[in-house]
Every structure is written in C-alpha cells, then in structure tokens.
Amino acid sequence: MNMSNPFEEGQVLLVNKPLHWTSADAVKKIRNRVNAKVGHAGTLDPLATGLLIMCTGKMTKRINEFMAREKEYTGTFTLGATTASFDLETKPENEKDFGFVDAVALDNAAEKFTGEIIQVPPVYSAIKKKGERSYDLARQGRAVALDGRKVVIKEFEMKIQQLPVVSFRVVCSTGTYIRSLANDVGETLGCGAYLSSLCRTRIGEFKLEDAIDPESAEIKFKTGN
C-alpha cells in the first residue's frame, strides 16, 4: 500500500535560519529533505537569524496569511555611525560622538517610533523600482528614491548594552524594516546608528523556541491554525 507524503498534503514547519544563510538556502535544504513543494512566509536577510515559517505542499496556499501576522524581533543597534545599507552589508561611515546617549534618550526615541508611523524602506532592499530591484540599483551606485509606507510598531524598547551597542526588542506589523528603524533612531538621537544584529523571535503565535535547525536530524511540523 502506498503511503502518502504528509509534506505533500501540507504542513507548517518552523525553522531557525542560520547566520549568512539566505531564506532561499533554508528552503532548498528543507525541500530536499521533505521531497515536496516548499515556500517560506517572509524573507530574512542573510545577516539576520531566527524564525522562518515554511509551508509545504498544499499549505503553501496559506503563505500570505502567515506572512501578514505580527512579528517580534530582538537584536542590536550600533550607535555613532551610519551605513548605506543601514546594516553591516556595507561599511560604517560618518562617525559621530555617541557618549551623550543615556537610557532617557533611548526611551524618548523609542516612544517617537511607537504606534503607526511612515517608514522609508532602505535602498538596499528587494523592492522594485521601474522593474529593477532597489538593491541592484544601489549596488551600481545609481540614485534610488523609495516612497514611505505605513507600518505599525506595537512595542519598542531599547537598552544600553555597552555603548556604542544598544539592545532592542520590537513588535511590529508585517512590512516593517528594522534596518530603517535603526537608521531613523540614529537620526533622532543625532549620532547615527545601524543594525548590527537581528533575530526574528516570533511570527503571530509561532515562536523561535519551537523551531528546528534546517540541518536537524528530525523535522517536526505544526498545525497551521
């Protein structure tokens, strides 16, 4: 008797994306193991780690539904400089003094960016401009102007770790760029800042603590409620 492949029927997998992997790398690894169609619900940059929701087989029809859910991130901003990509993909520049930053300044900055805000995505992003990816244009040295978009920052807190490094936690709507948030915080503080580490810890009710390493010997799946 032929046994059906549960992954073809449709499953939800929670995967912890390693540093330097692309989201596509993680999808390819899982696809090769489950022998079924696989898609992910929300890209993570190579320099980010954390939760990727992967849908297999018939469950791939629900990817957009999962992608729309609230996200939680933790990580660090580094103060005192900026980068063209708003993270460590490009080199820090425009160094400024950051020694005046204290807990009160961080709290005031976090309050400014909590709620419904208009955010301009980083030019080093996959957004298309006249049919071309923005990051391709930026890497060619071509000027890119992206429109602001409405996002919601539900919770935002920052704490001094050891200056110039500040740790943060953000709960936000889909479409929020944490790199842009880092850059905007730096502008508000007056010393510049860039995203130096990022981890996605939650998507809706799905949590990183329940995720597997993509090279784990055992693949567990969740019901997709």
C-alpha atoms as a PDB file:
ATOM      1  CA  MET A   1       0.000   0.000   0.000  1.00  0.00           C
ATOM      2  CA  ASN A   2       1.356   3.411  -0.955  1.00  0.00           C
ATOM      3  CA  MET A   3       1.816   5.794   1.953  1.00  0.00           C
ATOM      4  CA  SER A   4       1.030   9.434   1.195  1.00  0.00           C
ATOM      5  CA  ASN A   5       3.703  12.030   1.884  1.00  0.00           C
ATOM      6  CA  PRO A   6       2.404  14.226   4.763  1.00  0.00           C
ATOM      7  CA  PHE A   7       4.534  17.096   3.469  1.00  0.00           C
ATOM      8  CA  GLU A   8       2.794  16.974   0.097  1.00  0.00           C
ATOM      9  CA  GLU A   9      -0.569  17.052   1.871  1.00  0.00           C
ATOM     10  CA  GLY A  10       0.569  20.261   3.576  1.00  0.00           C
ATOM     11  CA  GLN A  11       2.488  21.042   6.763  1.00  0.00           C
ATOM     12  CA  VAL A  12       3.829  24.086   8.609  1.00  0.00           C
ATOM     13  CA  LEU A  13       7.496  23.917   9.580  1.00  0.00           C
ATOM     14  CA  LEU A  14       9.243  26.305  11.952  1.00  0.00           C
ATOM     15  CA  VAL A  15      12.891  26.760  11.008  1.00  0.00           C
ATOM     16  CA  ASN A  16      15.677  28.706  12.717  1.00  0.00           C
ATOM     17  CA  LYS A  17      17.605  30.330   9.847  1.00  0.00           C
ATOM     18  CA  PRO A  18      21.360  30.374  10.496  1.00  0.00           C
ATOM     19  CA  LEU A  19      23.518  33.474  10.082  1.00  0.00           C
ATOM     20  CA  HIS A  20      24.743  34.075   6.493  1.00  0.00           C
ATOM     21  CA  TRP A  21      22.145  31.742   5.005  1.00  0.00           C
ATOM     22  CA  THR A  22      19.605  33.261   2.637  1.00  0.00           C
ATOM     23  CA  SER A  23      15.975  32.345   3.139  1.00  0.00           C
ATOM     24  CA  ALA A  24      16.205  30.534  -0.201  1.00  0.00           C
ATOM     25  CA  ASP A  25      19.118  28.458   1.151  1.00  0.00           C
ATOM     26  CA  ALA A  26      16.943  27.288   4.026  1.00  0.00           C
ATOM     27  CA  VAL A  27      14.018  26.494   1.723  1.00  0.00           C
ATOM     28  CA  LYS A  28      16.269  24.454  -0.571  1.00  0.00           C
ATOM     29  CA  LYS A  29      17.640  22.470   2.383  1.00  0.00           C
ATOM     30  CA  ILE A  30      14.159  21.615   3.653  1.00  0.00           C
ATOM     31  CA  ARG A  31      12.749  20.916   0.175  1.00  0.00           C
ATOM     32  CA  ASN A  32      15.454  18.344  -0.466  1.00  0.00           C
ATOM     33  CA  ARG A  33      14.592  16.590   2.764  1.00  0.00           C
ATOM     34  CA  VAL A  34      10.800  16.503   2.621  1.00  0.00           C
ATOM     35  CA  ASN A  35      10.509  15.816  -1.134  1.00  0.00           C
ATOM     36  CA  ALA A  36       7.644  18.275  -1.563  1.00  0.00           C
ATOM     37  CA  LYS A  37       6.929  21.829  -2.641  1.00  0.00           C
ATOM     38  CA  VAL A  38       8.163  24.320  -0.007  1.00  0.00           C
ATOM     39  CA  GLY A  39       7.778  28.069   0.397  1.00  0.00           C
ATOM     40  CA  HIS A  40       8.549  30.499   3.219  1.00  0.00           C
ATOM     41  CA  ALA A  41       6.355  33.164   4.807  1.00  0.00           C
ATOM     42  CA  GLY A  42       8.634  36.204   4.993  1.00  0.00           C
ATOM     43  CA  THR A  43      12.258  36.694   3.979  1.00  0.00           C
ATOM     44  CA  LEU A  44      15.088  37.146   6.468  1.00  0.00           C
ATOM     45  CA  ASP A  45      18.272  38.872   5.289  1.00  0.00           C
ATOM     46  CA  PRO A  46      21.479  36.788   5.257  1.00  0.00           C
ATOM     47  CA  LEU A  47      22.818  38.827   8.212  1.00  0.00           C
ATOM     48  CA  ALA A  48      19.696  38.018  10.273  1.00  0.00           C
ATOM     49  CA  THR A  49      18.835  34.835  12.140  1.00  0.00           C
ATOM     50  CA  GLY A  50      15.657  33.431  13.562  1.00  0.00           C
ATOM     51  CA  LEU A  51      12.224  32.179  12.728  1.00  0.00           C
ATOM     52  CA  LEU A  52      11.175  31.244   9.218  1.00  0.00           C
ATOM     53  CA  ILE A  53       7.744  29.734   8.728  1.00  0.00           C
ATOM     54  CA  MET A  54       7.862  27.212   5.908  1.00  0.00           C
ATOM     55  CA  CYS A  55       4.765  25.764   4.276  1.00  0.00           C
ATOM     56  CA  THR A  56       4.859  22.532   2.335  1.00  0.00           C
ATOM     57  CA  GLY A  57       2.606  21.058  -0.331  1.00  0.00           C
ATOM     58  CA  LYS A  58      -0.996  22.264  -0.213  1.00  0.00           C
ATOM     59  CA  MET A  59      -0.253  24.511   2.783  1.00  0.00           C
ATOM     60  CA  THR A  60       1.764  26.856   0.526  1.00  0.00           C
ATOM     61  CA  LYS A  61      -1.597  28.396  -0.407  1.00  0.00           C
ATOM     62  CA  ARG A  62      -1.637  29.959   3.085  1.00  0.00           C
ATOM     63  CA  ILE A  63       1.787  31.621   2.895  1.00  0.00           C
ATOM     64  CA  ASN A  64       0.362  35.137   2.515  1.00  0.00           C
ATOM     65  CA  GLU A  65      -1.854  34.563   5.538  1.00  0.00           C
ATOM     66  CA  PHE A  66       1.101  33.648   7.740  1.00  0.00           C
ATOM     67  CA  MET A  67       3.226  36.436   6.273  1.00  0.00           C
ATOM     68  CA  ALA A  68       0.666  39.057   7.333  1.00  0.00           C
ATOM     69  CA  ARG A  69       0.923  38.190  11.018  1.00  0.00           C
ATOM     70  CA  GLU A  70       2.605  40.333  13.657  1.00  0.00           C
ATOM     71  CA  LYS A  71       6.383  39.945  14.037  1.00  0.00           C
ATOM     72  CA  GLU A  72       8.752  40.196  17.010  1.00  0.00           C
ATOM     73  CA  TYR A  73      12.477  40.889  16.670  1.00  0.00           C
ATOM     74  CA  THR A  74      15.418  41.299  19.009  1.00  0.00           C
ATOM     75  CA  GLY A  75      18.945  42.413  18.238  1.00  0.00           C
ATOM     76  CA  THR A  76      21.379  45.290  18.499  1.00  0.00           C
ATOM     77  CA  PHE A  77      21.905  48.741  17.045  1.00  0.00           C
ATOM     78  CA  THR A  78      25.391  50.234  16.987  1.00  0.00           C
ATOM     79  CA  LEU A  79      25.472  53.978  17.588  1.00  0.00           C
ATOM     80  CA  GLY A  80      27.966  56.555  16.347  1.00  0.00           C
ATOM     81  CA  ALA A  81      27.987  55.810  12.612  1.00  0.00           C
ATOM     82  CA  THR A  82      25.754  55.016   9.645  1.00  0.00           C
ATOM     83  CA  THR A  83      25.959  52.618   6.711  1.00  0.00           C
ATOM     84  CA  ALA A  84      24.498  52.893   3.217  1.00  0.00           C
ATOM     85  CA  SER A  85      22.595  49.625   3.705  1.00  0.00           C
ATOM     86  CA  PHE A  86      21.547  50.504   7.299  1.00  0.00           C
ATOM     87  CA  ASP A  87      23.256  47.279   8.448  1.00  0.00           C
ATOM     88  CA  LEU A  88      26.656  45.587   8.158  1.00  0.00           C
ATOM     89  CA  GLU A  89      26.337  44.710   4.488  1.00  0.00           C
ATOM     90  CA  THR A  90      28.192  47.998   3.859  1.00  0.00           C
ATOM     91  CA  LYS A  91      30.941  49.709   5.838  1.00  0.00           C
ATOM     92  CA  PRO A  92      30.233  52.117   8.719  1.00  0.00           C
ATOM     93  CA  GLU A  93      30.895  55.786   7.926  1.00  0.00           C
ATOM     94  CA  ASN A  94      30.017  59.296   9.119  1.00  0.00           C
ATOM     95  CA  GLU A  95      31.285  58.683  12.646  1.00  0.00           C
ATOM     96  CA  LYS A  96      29.845  60.872  15.398  1.00  0.00           C
ATOM     97  CA  ASP A  97      30.047  61.143  19.172  1.00  0.00           C
ATOM     98  CA  PHE A  98      27.581  58.854  20.990  1.00  0.00           C
ATOM     99  CA  GLY A  99      28.744  59.330  24.564  1.00  0.00           C
ATOM    100  CA  PHE A 100      25.799  61.554  25.490  1.00  0.00           C
ATOM    101  CA  VAL A 101      23.221  58.818  24.852  1.00  0.00           C
ATOM    102  CA  ASP A 102      21.555  57.528  28.023  1.00  0.00           C
ATOM    103  CA  ALA A 103      18.514  55.468  28.969  1.00  0.00           C
ATOM    104  CA  VAL A 104      16.221  58.500  28.902  1.00  0.00           C
ATOM    105  CA  ALA A 105      17.294  59.398  25.355  1.00  0.00           C
ATOM    106  CA  LEU A 106      16.636  55.815  24.230  1.00  0.00           C
ATOM    107  CA  ASP A 107      13.208  55.752  25.865  1.00  0.00           C
ATOM    108  CA  ASN A 108      12.268  59.054  24.210  1.00  0.00           C
ATOM    109  CA  ALA A 109      13.425  57.781  20.817  1.00  0.00           C
ATOM    110  CA  ALA A 110      11.518  54.507  21.237  1.00  0.00           C
ATOM    111  CA  GLU A 111       8.351  56.409  22.138  1.00  0.00           C
ATOM    112  CA  LYS A 112       8.664  58.520  18.984  1.00  0.00           C
ATOM    113  CA  PHE A 113       8.627  55.405  16.809  1.00  0.00           C
ATOM    114  CA  THR A 114       5.896  53.517  18.662  1.00  0.00           C
ATOM    115  CA  GLY A 115       2.494  53.407  17.025  1.00  0.00           C
ATOM    116  CA  GLU A 116       1.535  53.990  13.408  1.00  0.00           C
ATOM    117  CA  ILE A 117       4.440  55.580  11.527  1.00  0.00           C
ATOM    118  CA  ILE A 118       5.529  56.287   7.965  1.00  0.00           C
ATOM    119  CA  GLN A 119       8.746  54.418   7.233  1.00  0.00           C
ATOM    120  CA  VAL A 120      11.001  54.703   4.192  1.00  0.00           C
ATOM    121  CA  PRO A 121      12.485  51.300   3.260  1.00  0.00           C
ATOM    122  CA  PRO A 122      16.273  51.005   2.849  1.00  0.00           C
ATOM    123  CA  VAL A 123      17.537  51.374  -0.709  1.00  0.00           C
ATOM    124  CA  TYR A 124      19.351  48.052  -0.177  1.00  0.00           C
ATOM    125  CA  SER A 125      16.048  46.157  -0.305  1.00  0.00           C
ATOM    126  CA  ALA A 126      14.247  43.884  -2.753  1.00  0.00           C
ATOM    127  CA  ILE A 127      11.591  46.479  -3.551  1.00  0.00           C
ATOM    128  CA  LYS A 128      11.258  47.025  -7.282  1.00  0.00           C
ATOM    129  CA  LYS A 129      11.766  50.460  -8.819  1.00  0.00           C
ATOM    130  CA  LYS A 130      10.820  50.668 -12.504  1.00  0.00           C
ATOM    131  CA  GLY A 131      11.158  46.908 -12.817  1.00  0.00           C
ATOM    132  CA  GLU A 132      14.560  46.641 -11.123  1.00  0.00           C
ATOM    133  CA  ARG A 133      15.408  45.581  -7.591  1.00  0.00           C
ATOM    134  CA  SER A 134      16.336  48.550  -5.440  1.00  0.00           C
ATOM    135  CA  TYR A 135      19.422  46.797  -4.072  1.00  0.00           C
ATOM    136  CA  ASP A 136      20.707  46.175  -7.599  1.00  0.00           C
ATOM    137  CA  LEU A 137      20.410  49.881  -8.398  1.00  0.00           C
ATOM    138  CA  ALA A 138      22.083  50.841  -5.112  1.00  0.00           C
ATOM    139  CA  ARG A 139      24.989  48.455  -5.669  1.00  0.00           C
ATOM    140  CA  GLN A 140      25.511  50.010  -9.103  1.00  0.00           C
ATOM    141  CA  GLY A 141      25.809  53.412  -7.454  1.00  0.00           C
ATOM    142  CA  ARG A 142      22.570  54.663  -9.014  1.00  0.00           C
ATOM    143  CA  ALA A 143      20.310  57.024  -7.091  1.00  0.00           C
ATOM    144  CA  VAL A 144      17.223  55.374  -5.627  1.00  0.00           C
ATOM    145  CA  ALA A 145      14.256  57.146  -4.059  1.00  0.00           C
ATOM    146  CA  LEU A 146      11.691  54.929  -2.339  1.00  0.00           C
ATOM    147  CA  ASP A 147       8.304  56.050  -1.086  1.00  0.00           C
ATOM    148  CA  GLY A 148       7.389  55.926   2.580  1.00  0.00           C
ATOM    149  CA  ARG A 149       4.874  53.337   3.723  1.00  0.00           C
ATOM    150  CA  LYS A 150       2.635  52.997   6.740  1.00  0.00           C
ATOM    151  CA  VAL A 151       3.725  50.439   9.370  1.00  0.00           C
ATOM    152  CA  VAL A 152       2.778  49.832  12.988  1.00  0.00           C
ATOM    153  CA  ILE A 153       5.290  49.498  15.809  1.00  0.00           C
ATOM    154  CA  LYS A 154       3.271  47.955  18.635  1.00  0.00           C
ATOM    155  CA  GLU A 155       6.115  47.662  21.149  1.00  0.00           C
ATOM    156  CA  PHE A 156       9.639  49.083  21.026  1.00  0.00           C
ATOM    157  CA  GLU A 157      12.243  49.111  23.768  1.00  0.00           C
ATOM    158  CA  MET A 158      15.975  49.777  23.779  1.00  0.00           C
ATOM    159  CA  LYS A 159      18.588  49.275  26.483  1.00  0.00           C
ATOM    160  CA  ILE A 160      22.238  50.218  26.663  1.00  0.00           C
ATOM    161  CA  GLN A 161      24.266  47.044  26.402  1.00  0.00           C
ATOM    162  CA  GLN A 162      27.729  48.582  26.283  1.00  0.00           C
ATOM    163  CA  LEU A 163      27.963  51.766  24.271  1.00  0.00           C
ATOM    164  CA  PRO A 164      28.010  52.089  21.343  1.00  0.00           C
ATOM    165  CA  VAL A 165      25.902  48.900  21.303  1.00  0.00           C
ATOM    166  CA  VAL A 166      22.216  49.101  22.231  1.00  0.00           C
ATOM    167  CA  SER A 167      19.958  46.058  22.509  1.00  0.00           C
ATOM    168  CA  PHE A 168      16.330  46.222  21.395  1.00  0.00           C
ATOM    169  CA  ARG A 169      13.050  44.370  21.150  1.00  0.00           C
ATOM    170  CA  VAL A 170      10.388  45.294  18.580  1.00  0.00           C
ATOM    171  CA  VAL A 171       6.872  44.002  17.982  1.00  0.00           C
ATOM    172  CA  CYS A 172       5.639  45.269  14.633  1.00  0.00           C
ATOM    173  CA  SER A 173       3.403  44.816  11.624  1.00  0.00           C
ATOM    174  CA  THR A 174       4.462  42.990   8.503  1.00  0.00           C
ATOM    175  CA  GLY A 175       6.445  45.148   6.092  1.00  0.00           C
ATOM    176  CA  THR A 176       8.464  46.857   8.827  1.00  0.00           C
ATOM    177  CA  TYR A 177      12.184  47.234   8.090  1.00  0.00           C
ATOM    178  CA  ILE A 178      14.219  47.021  11.288  1.00  0.00           C
ATOM    179  CA  ARG A 179      17.227  48.386   9.356  1.00  0.00           C
ATOM    180  CA  SER A 180      15.274  51.548   8.597  1.00  0.00           C
ATOM    181  CA  LEU A 181      14.203  51.756  12.237  1.00  0.00           C
ATOM    182  CA  ALA A 182      17.868  51.618  13.288  1.00  0.00           C
ATOM    183  CA  ASN A 183      18.799  54.407  10.899  1.00  0.00           C
ATOM    184  CA  ASP A 184      15.828  56.541  11.960  1.00  0.00           C
ATOM    185  CA  VAL A 185      16.692  56.092  15.642  1.00  0.00           C
ATOM    186  CA  GLY A 186      20.236  57.233  14.892  1.00  0.00           C
ATOM    187  CA  GLU A 187      18.930  60.368  13.192  1.00  0.00           C
ATOM    188  CA  THR A 188      16.649  61.129  16.126  1.00  0.00           C
ATOM    189  CA  LEU A 189      19.472  60.677  18.642  1.00  0.00           C
ATOM    190  CA  GLY A 190      21.783  62.789  16.472  1.00  0.00           C
ATOM    191  CA  CYS A 191      24.658  60.329  16.451  1.00  0.00           C
ATOM    192  CA  GLY A 192      23.726  57.890  13.695  1.00  0.00           C
ATOM    193  CA  ALA A 193      23.069  54.164  14.088  1.00  0.00           C
ATOM    194  CA  TYR A 194      22.940  50.966  12.086  1.00  0.00           C
ATOM    195  CA  LEU A 195      21.573  47.474  12.609  1.00  0.00           C
ATOM    196  CA  SER A 196      24.382  45.226  13.853  1.00  0.00           C
ATOM    197  CA  SER A 197      22.429  42.046  14.675  1.00  0.00           C
ATOM    198  CA  LEU A 198      18.876  40.823  14.190  1.00  0.00           C
ATOM    199  CA  CYS A 199      16.853  37.801  15.234  1.00  0.00           C
ATOM    200  CA  ARG A 200      13.179  37.165  14.474  1.00  0.00           C
ATOM    201  CA  THR A 201      11.714  35.547  17.567  1.00  0.00           C
ATOM    202  CA  ARG A 202       8.017  35.316  16.724  1.00  0.00           C
ATOM    203  CA  ILE A 203       5.516  35.416  13.846  1.00  0.00           C
ATOM    204  CA  GLY A 204       1.954  35.526  15.148  1.00  0.00           C
ATOM    205  CA  GLU A 205       1.622  32.655  17.611  1.00  0.00           C
ATOM    206  CA  PHE A 206       4.649  30.803  16.199  1.00  0.00           C
ATOM    207  CA  LYS A 207       7.809  31.123  18.314  1.00  0.00           C
ATOM    208  CA  LEU A 208      11.504  30.681  17.624  1.00  0.00           C
ATOM    209  CA  GLU A 209      11.876  28.408  20.646  1.00  0.00           C
ATOM    210  CA  ASP A 210       9.821  25.800  18.777  1.00  0.00           C
ATOM    211  CA  ALA A 211      11.890  25.987  15.573  1.00  0.00           C
ATOM    212  CA  ILE A 212      14.383  23.435  14.316  1.00  0.00           C
ATOM    213  CA  ASP A 213      17.797  23.849  12.764  1.00  0.00           C
ATOM    214  CA  PRO A 214      17.403  23.286   8.981  1.00  0.00           C
ATOM    215  CA  GLU A 215      20.033  20.549   9.220  1.00  0.00           C
ATOM    216  CA  SER A 216      18.401  18.876  12.215  1.00  0.00           C
ATOM    217  CA  ALA A 217      18.003  15.129  12.050  1.00  0.00           C
ATOM    218  CA  GLU A 218      14.315  15.389  12.898  1.00  0.00           C
ATOM    219  CA  ILE A 219      11.745  17.553  11.097  1.00  0.00           C
ATOM    220  CA  LYS A 220       8.731  18.481  13.192  1.00  0.00           C
ATOM    221  CA  PHE A 221       5.634  20.150  11.827  1.00  0.00           C
ATOM    222  CA  LYS A 222       2.942  22.323  13.333  1.00  0.00           C
ATOM    223  CA  THR A 223      -0.720  22.507  12.534  1.00  0.00           C
ATOM    224  CA  GLY A 224      -1.448  25.685  10.575  1.00  0.00           C
ATOM    225  CA  ASN A 225      -4.319  27.274  12.527  1.00  0.00           C
END
